[in-house]
Protein backbone atom coordinates (compact mmCIF):
# COMPACT_ATOMS: atom_id res chain seq x y z
CA MET A 1 121.96 119.69 82.42
CA LYS A 2 124.19 120.30 79.40
CA GLU A 3 125.92 116.94 80.00
CA GLN A 4 122.51 115.23 80.21
CA SER A 5 121.51 116.74 76.88
CA GLN A 6 124.77 115.68 75.24
CA THR A 7 124.42 112.17 76.62
CA LEU A 8 120.85 111.88 75.34
CA THR A 9 121.93 113.18 71.94
CA ALA A 10 124.76 110.64 71.80
CA VAL A 11 122.40 107.80 72.70
CA LYS A 12 119.92 108.94 70.03
CA THR A 13 122.79 108.99 67.53
CA ALA A 14 123.77 105.47 68.58
CA ILE A 15 120.17 104.29 68.14
CA GLN A 16 120.09 105.72 64.61
CA MET A 17 123.47 104.19 63.75
CA GLU A 18 122.22 100.78 64.85
CA ILE A 19 118.96 101.20 62.88
CA ASP A 20 120.95 102.19 59.79
CA GLY A 21 123.31 99.26 60.29
CA LYS A 22 120.45 96.78 60.59
CA GLN A 23 118.80 98.12 57.44
CA TYR A 24 122.07 97.97 55.52
CA TYR A 25 122.76 94.39 56.59
CA GLN A 26 119.24 93.28 55.69
CA GLN A 27 119.64 94.78 52.22
CA ALA A 28 123.09 93.24 51.83
CA ALA A 29 121.67 89.85 52.83
CA GLN A 30 118.97 90.10 50.17
CA ALA A 31 121.54 91.04 47.54
CA SER A 32 124.10 88.41 48.54
CA GLN A 33 124.70 85.65 46.03
CA ASN A 34 125.71 82.99 48.52
CA ASP A 35 124.42 81.41 51.71
CA LEU A 36 127.43 82.41 53.78
CA GLY A 37 127.01 86.07 52.89
CA ARG A 38 123.28 85.99 53.61
CA LYS A 39 123.82 84.32 56.98
CA LEU A 40 126.64 86.67 57.91
CA PHE A 41 124.69 89.80 57.00
CA LEU A 42 121.53 88.57 58.74
CA GLN A 43 123.46 87.77 61.92
CA LEU A 44 125.00 91.24 61.85
CA ALA A 45 121.52 92.74 61.38
CA THR A 46 120.33 90.81 64.43
CA GLU A 47 123.25 92.09 66.51
CA GLU A 48 122.64 95.68 65.37
CA ASP A 49 119.00 95.32 66.41
CA SER A 50 120.06 94.00 69.80
CA HIS A 51 122.29 97.04 70.29
CA ARG A 52 119.44 99.36 69.27
CA LYS A 53 117.07 97.82 71.81
CA LYS A 54 119.61 98.25 74.58
CA PHE A 55 120.23 101.87 73.63
CA GLU A 56 116.48 102.51 73.64
CA GLU A 57 116.32 101.15 77.20
CA ILE A 58 119.24 103.37 78.17
CA TYR A 59 117.60 106.41 76.55
CA GLN A 60 114.37 105.90 78.50
CA ALA A 61 116.25 105.41 81.76
CA LEU A 62 118.31 108.55 81.15
CA ARG A 63 115.18 110.59 80.57
CA VAL A 64 113.58 109.33 83.78
CA LYS A 65 116.53 109.00 86.19
CA GLU A 66 118.93 111.46 84.57
CA SER A 67 121.77 109.02 85.11
CA TRP A 68 123.20 106.12 83.17
CA PRO A 69 121.31 102.94 84.11
CA ASP A 70 122.88 99.74 85.38
CA VAL A 71 122.88 97.87 82.08
CA SER A 72 124.07 94.36 81.53
CA ILE A 73 126.81 94.01 78.97
CA LYS A 74 126.30 90.70 77.18
CA LEU A 75 128.04 91.22 73.90
CA HIS A 76 128.96 88.61 71.31
CA GLN A 77 132.21 90.03 69.94
CA GLY A 78 131.76 88.08 66.74
CA ARG A 79 131.80 84.56 68.23
CA GLU A 80 128.60 83.49 66.46
CA LEU A 81 129.79 85.04 63.23
CA LYS A 82 133.05 83.09 63.21
CA THR A 83 131.17 79.79 63.37
CA LEU A 84 129.65 80.56 59.96
CA PHE A 85 133.06 80.07 58.36
CA ALA A 86 133.47 76.68 59.99
CA ILE A 87 130.55 75.35 57.95
CA ALA A 88 131.35 77.23 54.77
CA GLY A 89 132.48 75.46 51.64
CA LYS A 90 135.12 76.47 49.16
CA ASP A 91 132.56 77.01 46.40
CA VAL A 92 131.37 80.57 46.84
CA LYS A 93 130.11 83.12 44.38
CA SER A 94 132.08 86.31 44.56
CA SER A 95 130.93 89.40 42.79
CA THR A 96 132.09 92.97 42.69
CA SER A 97 128.86 94.05 44.38
CA GLU A 98 129.38 91.53 47.21
CA LEU A 99 132.94 92.73 47.75
CA GLU A 100 131.76 96.35 47.71
CA ALA A 101 129.01 95.53 50.21
CA VAL A 102 131.59 94.03 52.57
CA GLN A 103 133.88 97.04 52.16
CA THR A 104 131.00 99.39 52.97
CA ALA A 105 130.11 97.27 55.99
CA MET A 106 133.70 97.36 57.25
CA SER A 107 133.72 101.13 56.93
CA MET A 108 130.42 101.37 58.83
CA GLU A 109 131.76 99.17 61.63
CA ASN A 110 134.89 101.32 61.90
CA LYS A 111 132.85 104.53 62.10
CA THR A 112 130.57 103.05 64.74
CA ARG A 113 133.58 101.77 66.70
CA ASP A 114 135.20 105.22 66.56
CA PHE A 115 131.98 106.85 67.77
CA TYR A 116 131.72 104.43 70.71
CA GLN A 117 135.37 104.91 71.62
CA LEU A 118 134.89 108.67 71.65
CA ARG A 119 131.73 108.40 73.74
CA GLY A 120 133.56 106.13 76.17
CA LYS A 121 136.21 108.80 76.66
CA LYS A 122 133.54 111.45 77.26
CA ALA A 123 131.44 109.28 79.58
CA ASP A 124 130.17 110.79 82.82
CA PHE A 125 129.62 107.42 84.51
CA SER A 126 131.97 104.45 84.76
CA ILE A 127 129.20 102.06 83.67
CA GLU A 128 128.61 104.26 80.63
CA LYS A 129 132.33 104.18 79.82
CA ASP A 130 132.43 100.39 80.21
CA TYR A 131 129.38 99.96 78.00
CA TYR A 132 130.76 102.07 75.18
CA GLU A 133 134.16 100.39 75.40
CA ALA A 134 132.54 96.95 75.21
CA LEU A 135 130.50 98.00 72.20
CA ALA A 136 133.60 99.41 70.52
CA LYS A 137 135.25 96.00 70.96
CA GLU A 138 132.23 94.29 69.47
CA GLU A 139 132.26 96.62 66.46
CA SER A 140 135.96 95.81 66.03
CA ALA A 141 135.09 92.11 66.13
CA HIS A 142 132.42 92.68 63.46
CA HIS A 143 135.03 94.41 61.31
CA ALA A 144 137.44 91.50 61.77
CA VAL A 145 134.79 88.98 60.70
CA LEU A 146 133.88 91.11 57.69
CA LEU A 147 137.56 91.36 56.73
CA ASP A 148 137.78 87.59 57.04
CA TYR A 149 134.77 87.24 54.74
CA TYR A 150 136.27 89.71 52.28
CA GLU A 151 139.48 87.68 52.12
CA TYR A 152 137.43 84.50 51.81
CA LEU A 153 135.48 85.92 48.86
CA GLN A 154 138.66 86.89 47.07
CA ASN A 155 140.25 83.45 47.35
CA PRO A 156 138.28 80.72 49.18
CA ALA A 157 140.88 77.97 48.69
CA GLY A 158 143.72 80.24 49.78
CA TRP A 159 141.66 81.41 52.75
CA PHE A 160 141.17 77.83 53.93
CA THR A 161 144.87 77.10 53.53
CA MET A 162 145.80 80.22 55.49
CA LYS A 163 143.23 79.72 58.27
CA GLU A 164 143.82 76.02 58.65
CA ARG A 165 147.61 76.51 58.49
CA HIS A 166 148.16 73.49 56.29
CA SER A 167 151.73 72.44 55.89
CA LEU A 168 152.97 72.39 52.33
CA ASP A 169 156.35 70.83 53.07
CA GLY A 170 155.09 67.25 52.82
CA GLY A 171 156.11 66.47 56.36
């Protein structure tokens, strides 16, 4: 029964983390000074909301069945987010507040990833472990995309050169 209580508490914590993440990303999207930032933050808010909904389903199943439910793991791992950069231009407004928002977001993603990794290690069920590990990977992917955006904001032209691996030797 103690394990059940701890599992329910962890799932409630995960729900709140996802709610907080969605709210943060929605606010960051409103404050963003460029389309790429708005789209990126809104997509992250959507993914956080998707995670929250899944955790709410898990929470209800745990309360009824007292075991981790058979949940499908269809995670994005940042694929949709990476496509935003493909359509981005080199003319982007970068501000201190935008850079700070991205840094805060990266920190949030790291904390969430760490929480999911820890929960995966403490999991009572293999499906629970797999779910937390998959979410930890997705949070890592979010961090990677945010880091990419951060680097892009600091130097868009240099970012394109680095990502596209243009040759500067004339050959």
